[in-house]
Amino acid sequence: MNGNTENEDVQAPADAPMGSFDIRHMTAEQLRGVGVSHIAYVKPVTVNGMPGFAIHGADGTPMALAEDRDTALAAIVQHEMFPLSVH
């Protein structure tokens, strides 16, 4: 990404749904596609009255549940993805 304020095209990530785009004018579809195959996030949840941690893809797709945060993060790393936390 380039922090320049000039109107220049920025190469889209390989997994973005479209080719080249100006990062300051991303469509919702382009934003949803950024990092989909590389990023997963973890957030605390309660399922059937039990606390746990949900793992979601960058686009919000539910992927898995784990009993604790460390297990959730390890599962993401094991699948060669980058984990992020949602608070």
N, C-alpha and C. Protein backbone atom coordinates (compact mmCIF):
# COMPACT_ATOMS: atom_id res chain seq x y z
N MET A 1 0.84 -1.17 0.00
CA MET A 1 0.00 0.00 0.00
C MET A 1 0.88 1.23 0.00
N ASN A 2 0.38 2.28 -0.57
CA ASN A 2 1.12 3.51 -0.67
C ASN A 2 0.35 4.59 0.03
N GLY A 3 1.01 5.36 0.87
CA GLY A 3 0.35 6.41 1.62
C GLY A 3 0.24 7.72 0.85
N ASN A 4 0.68 7.76 -0.39
CA ASN A 4 0.60 8.97 -1.19
C ASN A 4 -0.84 9.42 -1.31
N THR A 5 -1.03 10.74 -1.41
CA THR A 5 -2.38 11.25 -1.60
C THR A 5 -2.70 11.44 -3.07
N GLU A 6 -1.74 11.22 -3.94
CA GLU A 6 -2.00 11.33 -5.37
C GLU A 6 -2.86 10.16 -5.83
N ASN A 7 -3.59 10.35 -6.89
CA ASN A 7 -4.49 9.32 -7.39
C ASN A 7 -3.73 8.33 -8.26
N GLU A 8 -3.12 7.34 -7.64
CA GLU A 8 -2.39 6.33 -8.38
C GLU A 8 -2.97 4.97 -8.06
N ASP A 9 -2.93 4.07 -9.01
CA ASP A 9 -3.45 2.72 -8.79
C ASP A 9 -2.51 1.94 -7.88
N VAL A 10 -3.10 1.12 -7.04
CA VAL A 10 -2.36 0.24 -6.15
C VAL A 10 -2.69 -1.18 -6.57
N GLN A 11 -1.70 -2.04 -6.66
CA GLN A 11 -1.94 -3.43 -7.05
C GLN A 11 -2.76 -4.13 -5.98
N ALA A 12 -3.81 -4.77 -6.37
CA ALA A 12 -4.66 -5.49 -5.44
C ALA A 12 -3.95 -6.73 -4.93
N PRO A 13 -4.24 -7.16 -3.69
CA PRO A 13 -3.71 -8.43 -3.21
C PRO A 13 -4.14 -9.55 -4.14
N ALA A 14 -3.35 -10.61 -4.19
CA ALA A 14 -3.63 -11.72 -5.12
C ALA A 14 -5.01 -12.32 -4.91
N ASP A 15 -5.51 -12.30 -3.67
CA ASP A 15 -6.81 -12.92 -3.41
C ASP A 15 -7.96 -11.91 -3.45
N ALA A 16 -7.68 -10.66 -3.82
CA ALA A 16 -8.75 -9.67 -3.95
C ALA A 16 -9.61 -10.03 -5.15
N PRO A 17 -10.90 -9.73 -5.09
CA PRO A 17 -11.80 -10.15 -6.16
C PRO A 17 -11.62 -9.40 -7.47
N MET A 18 -10.91 -8.29 -7.47
CA MET A 18 -10.71 -7.55 -8.70
C MET A 18 -9.23 -7.24 -8.87
N GLY A 19 -8.83 -6.82 -10.07
CA GLY A 19 -7.44 -6.55 -10.39
C GLY A 19 -6.85 -5.37 -9.64
N SER A 20 -6.61 -4.27 -10.33
CA SER A 20 -5.97 -3.09 -9.77
C SER A 20 -7.03 -2.10 -9.30
N PHE A 21 -6.77 -1.41 -8.19
CA PHE A 21 -7.72 -0.45 -7.67
C PHE A 21 -7.01 0.57 -6.81
N ASP A 22 -7.64 1.71 -6.62
CA ASP A 22 -7.14 2.75 -5.73
C ASP A 22 -7.65 2.41 -4.33
N ILE A 23 -6.73 2.18 -3.40
CA ILE A 23 -7.10 1.70 -2.07
C ILE A 23 -8.04 2.65 -1.35
N ARG A 24 -8.01 3.93 -1.70
CA ARG A 24 -8.89 4.91 -1.06
C ARG A 24 -10.31 4.85 -1.60
N HIS A 25 -10.51 4.11 -2.67
CA HIS A 25 -11.83 4.01 -3.28
C HIS A 25 -12.25 2.55 -3.47
N MET A 26 -11.98 1.74 -2.46
CA MET A 26 -12.33 0.32 -2.54
C MET A 26 -13.83 0.14 -2.47
N THR A 27 -14.33 -0.79 -3.25
CA THR A 27 -15.74 -1.15 -3.15
C THR A 27 -15.90 -2.11 -1.97
N ALA A 28 -17.13 -2.30 -1.54
CA ALA A 28 -17.39 -3.25 -0.46
C ALA A 28 -16.93 -4.64 -0.86
N GLU A 29 -17.13 -5.00 -2.13
CA GLU A 29 -16.71 -6.32 -2.62
C GLU A 29 -15.19 -6.48 -2.55
N GLN A 30 -14.46 -5.45 -2.94
CA GLN A 30 -13.00 -5.51 -2.87
C GLN A 30 -12.54 -5.62 -1.42
N LEU A 31 -13.14 -4.83 -0.54
CA LEU A 31 -12.76 -4.87 0.87
C LEU A 31 -13.02 -6.25 1.47
N ARG A 32 -14.14 -6.87 1.11
CA ARG A 32 -14.45 -8.21 1.63
C ARG A 32 -13.41 -9.24 1.18
N GLY A 33 -12.82 -9.05 0.02
CA GLY A 33 -11.88 -10.02 -0.52
C GLY A 33 -10.47 -9.90 -0.02
N VAL A 34 -10.12 -8.79 0.62
CA VAL A 34 -8.75 -8.58 1.08
C VAL A 34 -8.42 -9.56 2.21
N GLY A 35 -7.41 -10.36 2.01
CA GLY A 35 -6.93 -11.26 3.05
C GLY A 35 -7.74 -12.51 3.29
N VAL A 36 -8.73 -12.78 2.47
CA VAL A 36 -9.63 -13.91 2.72
C VAL A 36 -8.88 -15.22 2.94
N SER A 37 -7.88 -15.50 2.14
CA SER A 37 -7.20 -16.78 2.29
C SER A 37 -5.98 -16.69 3.21
N HIS A 38 -5.75 -15.53 3.82
CA HIS A 38 -4.55 -15.36 4.64
C HIS A 38 -4.83 -14.94 6.09
N ILE A 39 -5.99 -14.39 6.34
CA ILE A 39 -6.29 -13.84 7.66
C ILE A 39 -7.51 -14.52 8.26
N ALA A 40 -7.43 -14.82 9.54
CA ALA A 40 -8.57 -15.32 10.29
C ALA A 40 -8.61 -14.55 11.62
N TYR A 41 -9.79 -14.35 12.14
CA TYR A 41 -9.87 -13.65 13.41
C TYR A 41 -10.57 -14.49 14.45
N VAL A 42 -10.25 -14.17 15.70
CA VAL A 42 -10.76 -14.90 16.86
C VAL A 42 -11.55 -13.93 17.71
N LYS A 43 -12.71 -14.38 18.16
CA LYS A 43 -13.48 -13.54 19.08
C LYS A 43 -14.14 -14.43 20.12
N PRO A 44 -14.23 -13.92 21.34
CA PRO A 44 -14.89 -14.70 22.40
C PRO A 44 -16.39 -14.80 22.13
N VAL A 45 -16.94 -15.97 22.38
CA VAL A 45 -18.37 -16.22 22.18
C VAL A 45 -18.89 -17.11 23.30
N THR A 46 -20.20 -17.19 23.39
CA THR A 46 -20.86 -18.13 24.30
C THR A 46 -21.76 -19.00 23.44
N VAL A 47 -21.56 -20.31 23.52
CA VAL A 47 -22.35 -21.25 22.73
C VAL A 47 -22.99 -22.24 23.70
N ASN A 48 -24.31 -22.30 23.67
CA ASN A 48 -25.06 -23.18 24.58
C ASN A 48 -24.66 -22.95 26.03
N GLY A 49 -24.46 -21.68 26.39
CA GLY A 49 -24.12 -21.31 27.76
C GLY A 49 -22.66 -21.53 28.13
N MET A 50 -21.85 -22.01 27.20
CA MET A 50 -20.43 -22.28 27.47
C MET A 50 -19.55 -21.25 26.76
N PRO A 51 -18.55 -20.70 27.46
CA PRO A 51 -17.64 -19.75 26.80
C PRO A 51 -16.71 -20.48 25.83
N GLY A 52 -16.34 -19.81 24.77
CA GLY A 52 -15.42 -20.37 23.79
C GLY A 52 -14.88 -19.27 22.91
N PHE A 53 -14.19 -19.67 21.86
CA PHE A 53 -13.61 -18.70 20.93
C PHE A 53 -13.94 -19.13 19.51
N ALA A 54 -14.59 -18.24 18.78
CA ALA A 54 -14.97 -18.50 17.40
C ALA A 54 -13.84 -18.07 16.48
N ILE A 55 -13.58 -18.86 15.45
CA ILE A 55 -12.61 -18.53 14.42
C ILE A 55 -13.40 -18.22 13.15
N HIS A 56 -13.13 -17.04 12.59
CA HIS A 56 -13.82 -16.60 11.38
C HIS A 56 -12.80 -16.23 10.31
N GLY A 57 -13.15 -16.43 9.05
CA GLY A 57 -12.32 -15.97 7.95
C GLY A 57 -12.38 -14.45 7.88
N ALA A 58 -11.48 -13.85 7.13
CA ALA A 58 -11.43 -12.40 7.01
C ALA A 58 -12.75 -11.82 6.49
N ASP A 59 -13.50 -12.61 5.75
CA ASP A 59 -14.79 -12.15 5.22
C ASP A 59 -15.95 -12.41 6.17
N GLY A 60 -15.64 -12.92 7.37
CA GLY A 60 -16.68 -13.18 8.36
C GLY A 60 -17.24 -14.58 8.35
N THR A 61 -16.80 -15.42 7.44
CA THR A 61 -17.28 -16.79 7.36
C THR A 61 -16.86 -17.58 8.60
N PRO A 62 -17.80 -18.16 9.36
CA PRO A 62 -17.43 -18.99 10.51
C PRO A 62 -16.63 -20.20 10.05
N MET A 63 -15.53 -20.47 10.76
CA MET A 63 -14.66 -21.58 10.38
C MET A 63 -14.59 -22.67 11.45
N ALA A 64 -14.54 -22.27 12.72
CA ALA A 64 -14.39 -23.26 13.79
C ALA A 64 -14.66 -22.63 15.14
N LEU A 65 -14.79 -23.50 16.14
CA LEU A 65 -14.87 -23.07 17.54
C LEU A 65 -13.75 -23.76 18.31
N ALA A 66 -13.22 -23.05 19.30
CA ALA A 66 -12.19 -23.62 20.17
C ALA A 66 -12.56 -23.33 21.62
N GLU A 67 -12.09 -24.18 22.51
CA GLU A 67 -12.39 -24.00 23.93
C GLU A 67 -11.65 -22.82 24.54
N ASP A 68 -10.43 -22.53 24.03
CA ASP A 68 -9.66 -21.42 24.58
C ASP A 68 -8.97 -20.65 23.45
N ARG A 69 -8.54 -19.44 23.78
CA ARG A 69 -7.94 -18.55 22.79
C ARG A 69 -6.65 -19.13 22.20
N ASP A 70 -5.80 -19.70 23.05
CA ASP A 70 -4.53 -20.25 22.57
C ASP A 70 -4.75 -21.36 21.54
N THR A 71 -5.73 -22.20 21.77
CA THR A 71 -6.03 -23.28 20.82
C THR A 71 -6.54 -22.69 19.51
N ALA A 72 -7.38 -21.66 19.59
CA ALA A 72 -7.89 -21.01 18.38
C ALA A 72 -6.74 -20.41 17.58
N LEU A 73 -5.85 -19.70 18.24
CA LEU A 73 -4.71 -19.09 17.54
C LEU A 73 -3.79 -20.14 16.93
N ALA A 74 -3.55 -21.23 17.66
CA ALA A 74 -2.70 -22.30 17.15
C ALA A 74 -3.32 -22.95 15.91
N ALA A 75 -4.64 -23.12 15.91
CA ALA A 75 -5.31 -23.72 14.75
C ALA A 75 -5.16 -22.83 13.52
N ILE A 76 -5.26 -21.53 13.71
CA ILE A 76 -5.11 -20.60 12.59
C ILE A 76 -3.71 -20.67 12.02
N VAL A 77 -2.71 -20.63 12.90
CA VAL A 77 -1.31 -20.69 12.46
C VAL A 77 -1.02 -22.03 11.78
N GLN A 78 -1.57 -23.11 12.32
CA GLN A 78 -1.37 -24.44 11.75
C GLN A 78 -1.87 -24.49 10.29
N HIS A 79 -2.88 -23.71 9.99
CA HIS A 79 -3.43 -23.67 8.63
C HIS A 79 -2.81 -22.54 7.80
N GLU A 80 -1.63 -22.10 8.24
CA GLU A 80 -0.83 -21.10 7.52
C GLU A 80 -1.58 -19.81 7.26
N MET A 81 -2.34 -19.37 8.27
CA MET A 81 -3.05 -18.11 8.20
C MET A 81 -2.53 -17.20 9.29
N PHE A 82 -2.82 -15.91 9.19
CA PHE A 82 -2.40 -14.93 10.17
C PHE A 82 -3.57 -14.63 11.10
N PRO A 83 -3.41 -14.85 12.43
CA PRO A 83 -4.52 -14.63 13.35
C PRO A 83 -4.64 -13.17 13.81
N LEU A 84 -5.86 -12.70 13.95
CA LEU A 84 -6.16 -11.38 14.50
C LEU A 84 -7.24 -11.57 15.56
N SER A 85 -7.23 -10.71 16.55
CA SER A 85 -8.25 -10.76 17.60
C SER A 85 -9.28 -9.66 17.39
N VAL A 86 -10.52 -9.97 17.69
CA VAL A 86 -11.60 -8.99 17.65
C VAL A 86 -12.04 -8.78 19.08
N HIS A 87 -12.14 -7.53 19.46
CA HIS A 87 -12.52 -7.21 20.85
C HIS A 87 -13.92 -6.69 20.91
